[in-house]
Amino acid sequence: MPKITVLPHEHLCPQGAEFDCRAGAPLCDQLRANGIAIEHACEKSCVCTTCHVLIRRGFSSLRPASDDEEDQLGKAWGLEATSRLSCQVRVAGTDLVVEIPRYTLNIVSEHR
């Protein structure tokens, strides 16, 4: 059973977090199920960047991002080579270390 380690984030998990999850589970769902209220403004339909994460360890175990995910990632704040949308990541059988960026772009709440 893979282990997810979430690095400390000032607002969402100041102490960081660590939990086991089942392989094949969506990362966004696993974060939320374990008390990390990561935003997902588009309800996990891959049309925003609010659930943007940085995979610090275990990135190579993940399936490559789809073209749709890549298109959205191009709009993410703080984009890095290991950036992914947590709604699109299916946890493989490998442990992951995840960092939630300090900022996120939420088109729903920022453009009213």
PDB file of N, CA and C in Angstrom:
ATOM      1  N   MET A   1       0.854  -1.183   0.000  1.00  0.00           N
ATOM      2  CA  MET A   1       0.000   0.000   0.000  1.00  0.00           C
ATOM      3  C   MET A   1       0.896   1.240   0.000  1.00  0.00           C
ATOM      4  N   PRO A   2       0.757   2.103  -1.013  1.00  0.00           N
ATOM      5  CA  PRO A   2       1.618   3.282  -1.077  1.00  0.00           C
ATOM      6  C   PRO A   2       1.336   4.277   0.045  1.00  0.00           C
ATOM      7  N   LYS A   3       2.384   4.995   0.410  1.00  0.00           N
ATOM      8  CA  LYS A   3       2.292   6.019   1.447  1.00  0.00           C
ATOM      9  C   LYS A   3       2.413   7.383   0.767  1.00  0.00           C
ATOM     10  N   ILE A   4       1.565   8.312   1.176  1.00  0.00           N
ATOM     11  CA  ILE A   4       1.616   9.685   0.691  1.00  0.00           C
ATOM     12  C   ILE A   4       2.144  10.560   1.819  1.00  0.00           C
ATOM     13  N   THR A   5       3.197  11.299   1.535  1.00  0.00           N
ATOM     14  CA  THR A   5       3.723  12.283   2.471  1.00  0.00           C
ATOM     15  C   THR A   5       3.449  13.652   1.872  1.00  0.00           C
ATOM     16  N   VAL A   6       2.772  14.495   2.633  1.00  0.00           N
ATOM     17  CA  VAL A   6       2.473  15.852   2.192  1.00  0.00           C
ATOM     18  C   VAL A   6       3.354  16.797   2.996  1.00  0.00           C
ATOM     19  N   LEU A   7       4.140  17.579   2.301  1.00  0.00           N
ATOM     20  CA  LEU A   7       5.012  18.537   2.967  1.00  0.00           C
ATOM     21  C   LEU A   7       4.165  19.636   3.608  1.00  0.00           C
ATOM     22  N   PRO A   8       4.673  20.258   4.674  1.00  0.00           N
ATOM     23  CA  PRO A   8       3.885  21.300   5.347  1.00  0.00           C
ATOM     24  C   PRO A   8       3.457  22.416   4.394  1.00  0.00           C
ATOM     25  N   HIS A   9       2.226  22.855   4.569  1.00  0.00           N
ATOM     26  CA  HIS A   9       1.647  23.975   3.822  1.00  0.00           C
ATOM     27  C   HIS A   9       1.022  24.897   4.857  1.00  0.00           C
ATOM     28  N   GLU A  10       1.334  26.163   4.769  1.00  0.00           N
ATOM     29  CA  GLU A  10       0.928  27.132   5.790  1.00  0.00           C
ATOM     30  C   GLU A  10      -0.542  27.048   6.182  1.00  0.00           C
ATOM     31  N   HIS A  11      -1.431  26.851   5.217  1.00  0.00           N
ATOM     32  CA  HIS A  11      -2.862  26.876   5.508  1.00  0.00           C
ATOM     33  C   HIS A  11      -3.517  25.494   5.504  1.00  0.00           C
ATOM     34  N   LEU A  12      -3.138  24.651   4.573  1.00  0.00           N
ATOM     35  CA  LEU A  12      -3.859  23.387   4.400  1.00  0.00           C
ATOM     36  C   LEU A  12      -3.390  22.268   5.331  1.00  0.00           C
ATOM     37  N   CYS A  13      -2.121  22.248   5.680  1.00  0.00           N
ATOM     38  CA  CYS A  13      -1.618  21.244   6.632  1.00  0.00           C
ATOM     39  C   CYS A  13      -0.284  21.731   7.197  1.00  0.00           C
ATOM     40  N   PRO A  14      -0.355  22.642   8.164  1.00  0.00           N
ATOM     41  CA  PRO A  14       0.856  23.263   8.705  1.00  0.00           C
ATOM     42  C   PRO A  14       1.898  22.274   9.231  1.00  0.00           C
ATOM     43  N   GLN A  15       1.463  21.138   9.704  1.00  0.00           N
ATOM     44  CA  GLN A  15       2.400  20.147  10.242  1.00  0.00           C
ATOM     45  C   GLN A  15       2.824  19.121   9.202  1.00  0.00           C
ATOM     46  N   GLY A  16       2.277  19.225   7.996  1.00  0.00           N
ATOM     47  CA  GLY A  16       2.496  18.184   7.005  1.00  0.00           C
ATOM     48  C   GLY A  16       1.586  17.011   7.328  1.00  0.00           C
ATOM     49  N   ALA A  17       1.646  15.978   6.537  1.00  0.00           N
ATOM     50  CA  ALA A  17       0.788  14.808   6.763  1.00  0.00           C
ATOM     51  C   ALA A  17       1.422  13.592   6.121  1.00  0.00           C
ATOM     52  N   GLU A  18       1.007  12.440   6.610  1.00  0.00           N
ATOM     53  CA  GLU A  18       1.461  11.172   6.049  1.00  0.00           C
ATOM     54  C   GLU A  18       0.346  10.159   6.229  1.00  0.00           C
ATOM     55  N   PHE A  19       0.018   9.441   5.157  1.00  0.00           N
ATOM     56  CA  PHE A  19      -1.048   8.460   5.234  1.00  0.00           C
ATOM     57  C   PHE A  19      -0.869   7.410   4.149  1.00  0.00           C
ATOM     58  N   ASP A  20      -1.460   6.267   4.372  1.00  0.00           N
ATOM     59  CA  ASP A  20      -1.475   5.197   3.380  1.00  0.00           C
ATOM     60  C   ASP A  20      -2.687   5.383   2.488  1.00  0.00           C
ATOM     61  N   CYS A  21      -2.578   4.928   1.257  1.00  0.00           N
ATOM     62  CA  CYS A  21      -3.730   4.971   0.365  1.00  0.00           C
ATOM     63  C   CYS A  21      -3.680   3.760  -0.554  1.00  0.00           C
ATOM     64  N   ARG A  22      -4.771   3.520  -1.227  1.00  0.00           N
ATOM     65  CA  ARG A  22      -4.806   2.372  -2.128  1.00  0.00           C
ATOM     66  C   ARG A  22      -4.304   2.773  -3.506  1.00  0.00           C
ATOM     67  N   ALA A  23      -3.584   1.888  -4.138  1.00  0.00           N
ATOM     68  CA  ALA A  23      -3.108   2.130  -5.490  1.00  0.00           C
ATOM     69  C   ALA A  23      -4.302   2.300  -6.416  1.00  0.00           C
ATOM     70  N   GLY A  24      -4.186   3.212  -7.350  1.00  0.00           N
ATOM     71  CA  GLY A  24      -5.261   3.485  -8.299  1.00  0.00           C
ATOM     72  C   GLY A  24      -6.199   4.585  -7.873  1.00  0.00           C
ATOM     73  N   ALA A  25      -6.080   5.047  -6.643  1.00  0.00           N
ATOM     74  CA  ALA A  25      -6.966   6.096  -6.136  1.00  0.00           C
ATOM     75  C   ALA A  25      -6.538   7.458  -6.673  1.00  0.00           C
ATOM     76  N   PRO A  26      -7.502   8.343  -6.962  1.00  0.00           N
ATOM     77  CA  PRO A  26      -7.148   9.705  -7.368  1.00  0.00           C
ATOM     78  C   PRO A  26      -6.471  10.448  -6.203  1.00  0.00           C
ATOM     79  N   LEU A  27      -5.366  11.090  -6.472  1.00  0.00           N
ATOM     80  CA  LEU A  27      -4.622  11.782  -5.428  1.00  0.00           C
ATOM     81  C   LEU A  27      -5.467  12.848  -4.747  1.00  0.00           C
ATOM     82  N   CYS A  28      -6.214  13.627  -5.496  1.00  0.00           N
ATOM     83  CA  CYS A  28      -7.061  14.680  -4.914  1.00  0.00           C
ATOM     84  C   CYS A  28      -8.021  14.091  -3.883  1.00  0.00           C
ATOM     85  N   ASP A  29      -8.663  12.996  -4.227  1.00  0.00           N
ATOM     86  CA  ASP A  29      -9.606  12.357  -3.301  1.00  0.00           C
ATOM     87  C   ASP A  29      -8.904  11.874  -2.044  1.00  0.00           C
ATOM     88  N   GLN A  30      -7.707  11.330  -2.193  1.00  0.00           N
ATOM     89  CA  GLN A  30      -6.966  10.836  -1.037  1.00  0.00           C
ATOM     90  C   GLN A  30      -6.524  11.986  -0.134  1.00  0.00           C
ATOM     91  N   LEU A  31      -6.115  13.097  -0.713  1.00  0.00           N
ATOM     92  CA  LEU A  31      -5.749  14.260   0.096  1.00  0.00           C
ATOM     93  C   LEU A  31      -6.951  14.728   0.910  1.00  0.00           C
ATOM     94  N   ARG A  32      -8.087  14.882   0.254  1.00  0.00           N
ATOM     95  CA  ARG A  32      -9.290  15.367   0.934  1.00  0.00           C
ATOM     96  C   ARG A  32      -9.779  14.374   1.996  1.00  0.00           C
ATOM     97  N   ALA A  33      -9.712  13.089   1.695  1.00  0.00           N
ATOM     98  CA  ALA A  33     -10.149  12.064   2.660  1.00  0.00           C
ATOM     99  C   ALA A  33      -9.281  12.048   3.914  1.00  0.00           C
ATOM    100  N   ASN A  34      -8.091  12.625   3.796  1.00  0.00           N
ATOM    101  CA  ASN A  34      -7.171  12.651   4.930  1.00  0.00           C
ATOM    102  C   ASN A  34      -7.007  14.053   5.517  1.00  0.00           C
ATOM    103  N   GLY A  35      -8.034  14.877   5.340  1.00  0.00           N
ATOM    104  CA  GLY A  35      -8.100  16.161   6.021  1.00  0.00           C
ATOM    105  C   GLY A  35      -7.372  17.313   5.361  1.00  0.00           C
ATOM    106  N   ILE A  36      -6.926  17.146   4.128  1.00  0.00           N
ATOM    107  CA  ILE A  36      -6.229  18.221   3.428  1.00  0.00           C
ATOM    108  C   ILE A  36      -7.198  18.791   2.400  1.00  0.00           C
ATOM    109  N   ALA A  37      -7.722  19.963   2.691  1.00  0.00           N
ATOM    110  CA  ALA A  37      -8.811  20.549   1.900  1.00  0.00           C
ATOM    111  C   ALA A  37      -8.285  21.263   0.654  1.00  0.00           C
ATOM    112  N   ILE A  38      -7.618  20.511  -0.205  1.00  0.00           N
ATOM    113  CA  ILE A  38      -7.118  21.079  -1.453  1.00  0.00           C
ATOM    114  C   ILE A  38      -8.316  21.492  -2.310  1.00  0.00           C
ATOM    115  N   GLU A  39      -8.194  22.656  -2.941  1.00  0.00           N
ATOM    116  CA  GLU A  39      -9.298  23.132  -3.781  1.00  0.00           C
ATOM    117  C   GLU A  39      -9.428  22.273  -5.032  1.00  0.00           C
ATOM    118  N   HIS A  40     -10.628  22.238  -5.563  1.00  0.00           N
ATOM    119  CA  HIS A  40     -10.892  21.558  -6.846  1.00  0.00           C
ATOM    120  C   HIS A  40     -12.124  22.232  -7.456  1.00  0.00           C
ATOM    121  N   ALA A  41     -11.900  23.484  -7.890  1.00  0.00           N
ATOM    122  CA  ALA A  41     -12.991  24.344  -8.341  1.00  0.00           C
ATOM    123  C   ALA A  41     -13.797  23.759  -9.490  1.00  0.00           C
ATOM    124  N   CYS A  42     -13.169  22.962 -10.334  1.00  0.00           N
ATOM    125  CA  CYS A  42     -13.879  22.415 -11.501  1.00  0.00           C
ATOM    126  C   CYS A  42     -14.482  21.048 -11.212  1.00  0.00           C
ATOM    127  N   GLU A  43     -14.518  20.688  -9.934  1.00  0.00           N
ATOM    128  CA  GLU A  43     -15.060  19.381  -9.523  1.00  0.00           C
ATOM    129  C   GLU A  43     -14.325  18.224 -10.192  1.00  0.00           C
ATOM    130  N   LYS A  44     -13.009  18.393 -10.332  1.00  0.00           N
ATOM    131  CA  LYS A  44     -12.102  17.343 -10.823  1.00  0.00           C
ATOM    132  C   LYS A  44     -12.328  16.980 -12.290  1.00  0.00           C
ATOM    133  N   SER A  45     -12.707  17.976 -13.102  1.00  0.00           N
ATOM    134  CA  SER A  45     -12.941  17.704 -14.523  1.00  0.00           C
ATOM    135  C   SER A  45     -11.800  18.201 -15.418  1.00  0.00           C
ATOM    136  N   CYS A  46     -10.681  18.557 -14.828  1.00  0.00           N
ATOM    137  CA  CYS A  46      -9.469  18.942 -15.564  1.00  0.00           C
ATOM    138  C   CYS A  46      -9.667  20.198 -16.404  1.00  0.00           C
ATOM    139  N   VAL A  47     -10.335  21.208 -15.822  1.00  0.00           N
ATOM    140  CA  VAL A  47     -10.482  22.475 -16.539  1.00  0.00           C
ATOM    141  C   VAL A  47     -10.056  23.676 -15.691  1.00  0.00           C
ATOM    142  N   CYS A  48      -9.266  23.430 -14.652  1.00  0.00           N
ATOM    143  CA  CYS A  48      -8.708  24.518 -13.856  1.00  0.00           C
ATOM    144  C   CYS A  48      -7.376  24.037 -13.276  1.00  0.00           C
ATOM    145  N   THR A  49      -6.775  24.856 -12.420  1.00  0.00           N
ATOM    146  CA  THR A  49      -5.494  24.467 -11.820  1.00  0.00           C
ATOM    147  C   THR A  49      -5.518  24.540 -10.292  1.00  0.00           C
ATOM    148  N   THR A  50      -6.690  24.563  -9.702  1.00  0.00           N
ATOM    149  CA  THR A  50      -6.762  24.753  -8.248  1.00  0.00           C
ATOM    150  C   THR A  50      -6.210  23.581  -7.455  1.00  0.00           C
ATOM    151  N   CYS A  51      -6.113  22.408  -8.049  1.00  0.00           N
ATOM    152  CA  CYS A  51      -5.586  21.241  -7.324  1.00  0.00           C
ATOM    153  C   CYS A  51      -4.143  20.930  -7.719  1.00  0.00           C
ATOM    154  N   HIS A  52      -3.444  21.936  -8.255  1.00  0.00           N
ATOM    155  CA  HIS A  52      -2.045  21.791  -8.679  1.00  0.00           C
ATOM    156  C   HIS A  52      -1.167  21.366  -7.506  1.00  0.00           C
ATOM    157  N   VAL A  53      -0.349  20.353  -7.735  1.00  0.00           N
ATOM    158  CA  VAL A  53       0.618  19.892  -6.746  1.00  0.00           C
ATOM    159  C   VAL A  53       1.964  19.667  -7.425  1.00  0.00           C
ATOM    160  N   LEU A  54       2.992  19.605  -6.611  1.00  0.00           N
ATOM    161  CA  LEU A  54       4.339  19.269  -7.069  1.00  0.00           C
ATOM    162  C   LEU A  54       4.687  17.907  -6.487  1.00  0.00           C
ATOM    163  N   ILE A  55       5.044  16.978  -7.333  1.00  0.00           N
ATOM    164  CA  ILE A  55       5.406  15.640  -6.873  1.00  0.00           C
ATOM    165  C   ILE A  55       6.911  15.636  -6.635  1.00  0.00           C
ATOM    166  N   ARG A  56       7.312  15.658  -5.387  1.00  0.00           N
ATOM    167  CA  ARG A  56       8.728  15.753  -5.016  1.00  0.00           C
ATOM    168  C   ARG A  56       9.438  14.405  -5.023  1.00  0.00           C
ATOM    169  N   ARG A  57       8.699  13.335  -4.840  1.00  0.00           N
ATOM    170  CA  ARG A  57       9.278  11.991  -4.924  1.00  0.00           C
ATOM    171  C   ARG A  57       8.210  11.056  -5.462  1.00  0.00           C
ATOM    172  N   GLY A  58       8.593  10.170  -6.372  1.00  0.00           N
ATOM    173  CA  GLY A  58       7.672   9.203  -6.935  1.00  0.00           C
ATOM    174  C   GLY A  58       7.071   9.625  -8.263  1.00  0.00           C
ATOM    175  N   PHE A  59       7.507  10.761  -8.811  1.00  0.00           N
ATOM    176  CA  PHE A  59       6.948  11.295 -10.052  1.00  0.00           C
ATOM    177  C   PHE A  59       7.022  10.284 -11.195  1.00  0.00           C
ATOM    178  N   SER A  60       8.133   9.586 -11.296  1.00  0.00           N
ATOM    179  CA  SER A  60       8.313   8.656 -12.424  1.00  0.00           C
ATOM    180  C   SER A  60       7.384   7.449 -12.359  1.00  0.00           C
ATOM    181  N   SER A  61       6.757   7.215 -11.220  1.00  0.00           N
ATOM    182  CA  SER A  61       5.826   6.081 -11.098  1.00  0.00           C
ATOM    183  C   SER A  61       4.446   6.397 -11.668  1.00  0.00           C
ATOM    184  N   LEU A  62       4.190   7.672 -11.949  1.00  0.00           N
ATOM    185  CA  LEU A  62       2.868   8.101 -12.400  1.00  0.00           C
ATOM    186  C   LEU A  62       2.741   8.006 -13.911  1.00  0.00           C
ATOM    187  N   ARG A  63       1.526   7.763 -14.357  1.00  0.00           N
ATOM    188  CA  ARG A  63       1.268   7.817 -15.802  1.00  0.00           C
ATOM    189  C   ARG A  63       1.511   9.246 -16.273  1.00  0.00           C
ATOM    190  N   PRO A  64       1.955   9.407 -17.510  1.00  0.00           N
ATOM    191  CA  PRO A  64       2.171  10.764 -18.022  1.00  0.00           C
ATOM    192  C   PRO A  64       0.867  11.562 -18.046  1.00  0.00           C
ATOM    193  N   ALA A  65       1.016  12.863 -17.937  1.00  0.00           N
ATOM    194  CA  ALA A  65      -0.148  13.756 -18.002  1.00  0.00           C
ATOM    195  C   ALA A  65      -0.757  13.698 -19.395  1.00  0.00           C
ATOM    196  N   SER A  66      -2.076  13.801 -19.450  1.00  0.00           N
ATOM    197  CA  SER A  66      -2.779  13.847 -20.734  1.00  0.00           C
ATOM    198  C   SER A  66      -2.551  15.221 -21.373  1.00  0.00           C
ATOM    199  N   ASP A  67      -2.903  15.348 -22.639  1.00  0.00           N
ATOM    200  CA  ASP A  67      -2.806  16.648 -23.313  1.00  0.00           C
ATOM    201  C   ASP A  67      -3.675  17.689 -22.619  1.00  0.00           C
ATOM    202  N   ASP A  68      -4.869  17.292 -22.171  1.00  0.00           N
ATOM    203  CA  ASP A  68      -5.758  18.229 -21.466  1.00  0.00           C
ATOM    204  C   ASP A  68      -5.119  18.714 -20.169  1.00  0.00           C
ATOM    205  N   GLU A  69      -4.519  17.782 -19.422  1.00  0.00           N
ATOM    206  CA  GLU A  69      -3.863  18.178 -18.177  1.00  0.00           C
ATOM    207  C   GLU A  69      -2.684  19.102 -18.473  1.00  0.00           C
ATOM    208  N   GLU A  70      -1.890  18.775 -19.469  1.00  0.00           N
ATOM    209  CA  GLU A  70      -0.749  19.621 -19.845  1.00  0.00           C
ATOM    210  C   GLU A  70      -1.217  21.031 -20.205  1.00  0.00           C
ATOM    211  N   ASP A  71      -2.332  21.124 -20.936  1.00  0.00           N
ATOM    212  CA  ASP A  71      -2.876  22.434 -21.303  1.00  0.00           C
ATOM    213  C   ASP A  71      -3.222  23.253 -20.059  1.00  0.00           C
ATOM    214  N   GLN A  72      -3.855  22.611 -19.084  1.00  0.00           N
ATOM    215  CA  GLN A  72      -4.228  23.317 -17.852  1.00  0.00           C
ATOM    216  C   GLN A  72      -2.994  23.661 -17.025  1.00  0.00           C
ATOM    217  N   LEU A  73      -2.041  22.745 -16.953  1.00  0.00           N
ATOM    218  CA  LEU A  73      -0.836  23.008 -16.168  1.00  0.00           C
ATOM    219  C   LEU A  73      -0.098  24.244 -16.668  1.00  0.00           C
ATOM    220  N   GLY A  74      -0.203  24.515 -17.956  1.00  0.00           N
ATOM    221  CA  GLY A  74       0.427  25.707 -18.504  1.00  0.00           C
ATOM    222  C   GLY A  74      -0.086  26.991 -17.882  1.00  0.00           C
ATOM    223  N   LYS A  75      -1.220  26.940 -17.208  1.00  0.00           N
ATOM    224  CA  LYS A  75      -1.822  28.108 -16.559  1.00  0.00           C
ATOM    225  C   LYS A  75      -1.550  28.156 -15.054  1.00  0.00           C
ATOM    226  N   ALA A  76      -0.890  27.138 -14.532  1.00  0.00           N
ATOM    227  CA  ALA A  76      -0.688  27.024 -13.082  1.00  0.00           C
ATOM    228  C   ALA A  76       0.386  27.972 -12.576  1.00  0.00           C
ATOM    229  N   TRP A  77       0.179  28.494 -11.369  1.00  0.00           N
ATOM    230  CA  TRP A  77       1.177  29.325 -10.714  1.00  0.00           C
ATOM    231  C   TRP A  77       2.302  28.420 -10.223  1.00  0.00           C
ATOM    232  N   GLY A  78       3.539  28.811 -10.451  1.00  0.00           N
ATOM    233  CA  GLY A  78       4.670  28.053  -9.929  1.00  0.00           C
ATOM    234  C   GLY A  78       4.908  26.728 -10.629  1.00  0.00           C
ATOM    235  N   LEU A  79       4.618  26.657 -11.897  1.00  0.00           N
ATOM    236  CA  LEU A  79       4.771  25.425 -12.666  1.00  0.00           C
ATOM    237  C   LEU A  79       6.210  24.926 -12.625  1.00  0.00           C
ATOM    238  N   GLU A  80       6.368  23.627 -12.399  1.00  0.00           N
ATOM    239  CA  GLU A  80       7.680  22.977 -12.404  1.00  0.00           C
ATOM    240  C   GLU A  80       7.580  21.698 -13.221  1.00  0.00           C
ATOM    241  N   ALA A  81       8.706  21.086 -13.475  1.00  0.00           N
ATOM    242  CA  ALA A  81       8.742  19.854 -14.277  1.00  0.00           C
ATOM    243  C   ALA A  81       7.943  18.724 -13.628  1.00  0.00           C
ATOM    244  N   THR A  82       7.797  18.760 -12.310  1.00  0.00           N
ATOM    245  CA  THR A  82       7.065  17.701 -11.611  1.00  0.00           C
ATOM    246  C   THR A  82       5.671  18.145 -11.178  1.00  0.00           C
ATOM    247  N   SER A  83       5.146  19.167 -11.831  1.00  0.00           N
ATOM    248  CA  SER A  83       3.786  19.641 -11.546  1.00  0.00           C
ATOM    249  C   SER A  83       2.759  18.677 -12.111  1.00  0.00           C
ATOM    250  N   ARG A  84       1.685  18.485 -11.351  1.00  0.00           N
ATOM    251  CA  ARG A  84       0.542  17.697 -11.816  1.00  0.00           C
ATOM    252  C   ARG A  84      -0.725  18.283 -11.212  1.00  0.00           C
ATOM    253  N   LEU A  85      -1.857  17.953 -11.814  1.00  0.00           N
ATOM    254  CA  LEU A  85      -3.151  18.272 -11.226  1.00  0.00           C
ATOM    255  C   LEU A  85      -3.553  17.051 -10.405  1.00  0.00           C
ATOM    256  N   SER A  86      -3.769  17.240  -9.123  1.00  0.00           N
ATOM    257  CA  SER A  86      -4.030  16.081  -8.256  1.00  0.00           C
ATOM    258  C   SER A  86      -5.313  15.354  -8.622  1.00  0.00           C
ATOM    259  N   CYS A  87      -6.230  16.031  -9.313  1.00  0.00           N
ATOM    260  CA  CYS A  87      -7.467  15.363  -9.732  1.00  0.00           C
ATOM    261  C   CYS A  87      -7.213  14.369 -10.858  1.00  0.00           C
ATOM    262  N   GLN A  88      -6.083  14.501 -11.536  1.00  0.00           N
ATOM    263  CA  GLN A  88      -5.779  13.633 -12.672  1.00  0.00           C
ATOM    264  C   GLN A  88      -4.770  12.539 -12.336  1.00  0.00           C
ATOM    265  N   VAL A  89      -4.133  12.635 -11.186  1.00  0.00           N
ATOM    266  CA  VAL A  89      -3.116  11.668 -10.782  1.00  0.00           C
ATOM    267  C   VAL A  89      -3.775  10.467 -10.124  1.00  0.00           C
ATOM    268  N   ARG A  90      -3.471   9.302 -10.636  1.00  0.00           N
ATOM    269  CA  ARG A  90      -3.857   8.048  -9.983  1.00  0.00           C
ATOM    270  C   ARG A  90      -2.612   7.530  -9.283  1.00  0.00           C
ATOM    271  N   VAL A  91      -2.716   7.325  -7.993  1.00  0.00           N
ATOM    272  CA  VAL A  91      -1.576   6.855  -7.213  1.00  0.00           C
ATOM    273  C   VAL A  91      -1.192   5.464  -7.703  1.00  0.00           C
ATOM    274  N   ALA A  92       0.072   5.298  -8.020  1.00  0.00           N
ATOM    275  CA  ALA A  92       0.573   3.985  -8.438  1.00  0.00           C
ATOM    276  C   ALA A  92       0.963   3.208  -7.178  1.00  0.00           C
ATOM    277  N   GLY A  93       1.778   2.216  -7.308  1.00  0.00           N
ATOM    278  CA  GLY A  93       2.169   1.408  -6.150  1.00  0.00           C
ATOM    279  C   GLY A  93       3.376   1.946  -5.416  1.00  0.00           C
ATOM    280  N   THR A  94       3.793   3.162  -5.746  1.00  0.00           N
ATOM    281  CA  THR A  94       5.001   3.766  -5.180  1.00  0.00           C
ATOM    282  C   THR A  94       4.632   4.897  -4.227  1.00  0.00           C
ATOM    283  N   ASP A  95       5.406   5.047  -3.162  1.00  0.00           N
ATOM    284  CA  ASP A  95       5.211   6.158  -2.234  1.00  0.00           C
ATOM    285  C   ASP A  95       5.412   7.478  -2.970  1.00  0.00           C
ATOM    286  N   LEU A  96       4.651   8.485  -2.554  1.00  0.00           N
ATOM    287  CA  LEU A  96       4.766   9.824  -3.129  1.00  0.00           C
ATOM    288  C   LEU A  96       5.062  10.846  -2.041  1.00  0.00           C
ATOM    289  N   VAL A  97       5.854  11.840  -2.386  1.00  0.00           N
ATOM    290  CA  VAL A  97       6.018  13.027  -1.553  1.00  0.00           C
ATOM    291  C   VAL A  97       5.438  14.174  -2.364  1.00  0.00           C
ATOM    292  N   VAL A  98       4.464  14.864  -1.768  1.00  0.00           N
ATOM    293  CA  VAL A  98       3.685  15.888  -2.455  1.00  0.00           C
ATOM    294  C   VAL A  98       3.871  17.236  -1.761  1.00  0.00           C
ATOM    295  N   GLU A  99       4.064  18.265  -2.574  1.00  0.00           N
ATOM    296  CA  GLU A  99       4.087  19.624  -2.065  1.00  0.00           C
ATOM    297  C   GLU A  99       2.930  20.383  -2.704  1.00  0.00           C
ATOM    298  N   ILE A 100       2.177  21.070  -1.893  1.00  0.00           N
ATOM    299  CA  ILE A 100       1.093  21.912  -2.391  1.00  0.00           C
ATOM    300  C   ILE A 100       1.661  23.318  -2.523  1.00  0.00           C
ATOM    301  N   PRO A 101       1.606  23.900  -3.731  1.00  0.00           N
ATOM    302  CA  PRO A 101       2.172  25.240  -3.900  1.00  0.00           C
ATOM    303  C   PRO A 101       1.539  26.254  -2.960  1.00  0.00           C
ATOM    304  N   ARG A 102       2.293  27.266  -2.664  1.00  0.00           N
ATOM    305  CA  ARG A 102       1.827  28.314  -1.749  1.00  0.00           C
ATOM    306  C   ARG A 102       0.593  29.031  -2.290  1.00  0.00           C
ATOM    307  N   TYR A 103       0.546  29.225  -3.607  1.00  0.00           N
ATOM    308  CA  TYR A 103      -0.570  29.929  -4.231  1.00  0.00           C
ATOM    309  C   TYR A 103      -1.231  29.036  -5.268  1.00  0.00           C
ATOM    310  N   THR A 104      -2.469  29.355  -5.570  1.00  0.00           N
ATOM    311  CA  THR A 104      -3.193  28.676  -6.631  1.00  0.00           C
ATOM    312  C   THR A 104      -4.033  29.702  -7.373  1.00  0.00           C
ATOM    313  N   LEU A 105      -4.306  29.436  -8.612  1.00  0.00           N
ATOM    314  CA  LEU A 105      -5.174  30.310  -9.395  1.00  0.00           C
ATOM    315  C   LEU A 105      -6.560  29.698  -9.424  1.00  0.00           C
ATOM    316  N   ASN A 106      -7.528  30.394  -8.838  1.00  0.00           N
ATOM    317  CA  ASN A 106      -8.895  29.904  -8.804  1.00  0.00           C
ATOM    318  C   ASN A 106      -9.762  30.854  -9.615  1.00  0.00           C
ATOM    319  N   ILE A 107      -9.941  30.527 -10.882  1.00  0.00           N
ATOM    320  CA  ILE A 107     -10.697  31.381 -11.795  1.00  0.00           C
ATOM    321  C   ILE A 107     -12.126  31.586 -11.316  1.00  0.00           C
ATOM    322  N   VAL A 108     -12.704  30.595 -10.680  1.00  0.00           N
ATOM    323  CA  VAL A 108     -14.075  30.682 -10.199  1.00  0.00           C
ATOM    324  C   VAL A 108     -14.210  31.798  -9.164  1.00  0.00           C
ATOM    325  N   SER A 109     -13.326  31.845  -8.176  1.00  0.00           N
ATOM    326  CA  SER A 109     -13.467  32.832  -7.102  1.00  0.00           C
ATOM    327  C   SER A 109     -12.750  34.144  -7.400  1.00  0.00           C
ATOM    328  N   GLU A 110     -11.789  34.168  -8.313  1.00  0.00           N
ATOM    329  CA  GLU A 110     -11.023  35.370  -8.554  1.00  0.00           C
ATOM    330  C   GLU A 110     -11.573  36.242  -9.670  1.00  0.00           C
ATOM    331  N   HIS A 111     -12.523  35.748 -10.447  1.00  0.00           N
ATOM    332  CA  HIS A 111     -13.041  36.520 -11.576  1.00  0.00           C
ATOM    333  C   HIS A 111     -14.557  36.689 -11.491  1.00  0.00           C
ATOM    334  N   ARG A 112     -15.043  37.085 -10.355  1.00  0.00           N
ATOM    335  CA  ARG A 112     -16.493  37.292 -10.183  1.00  0.00           C
ATOM    336  C   ARG A 112     -16.868  38.683 -10.536  1.00  0.00           C
TER     337      ARG A 112
END
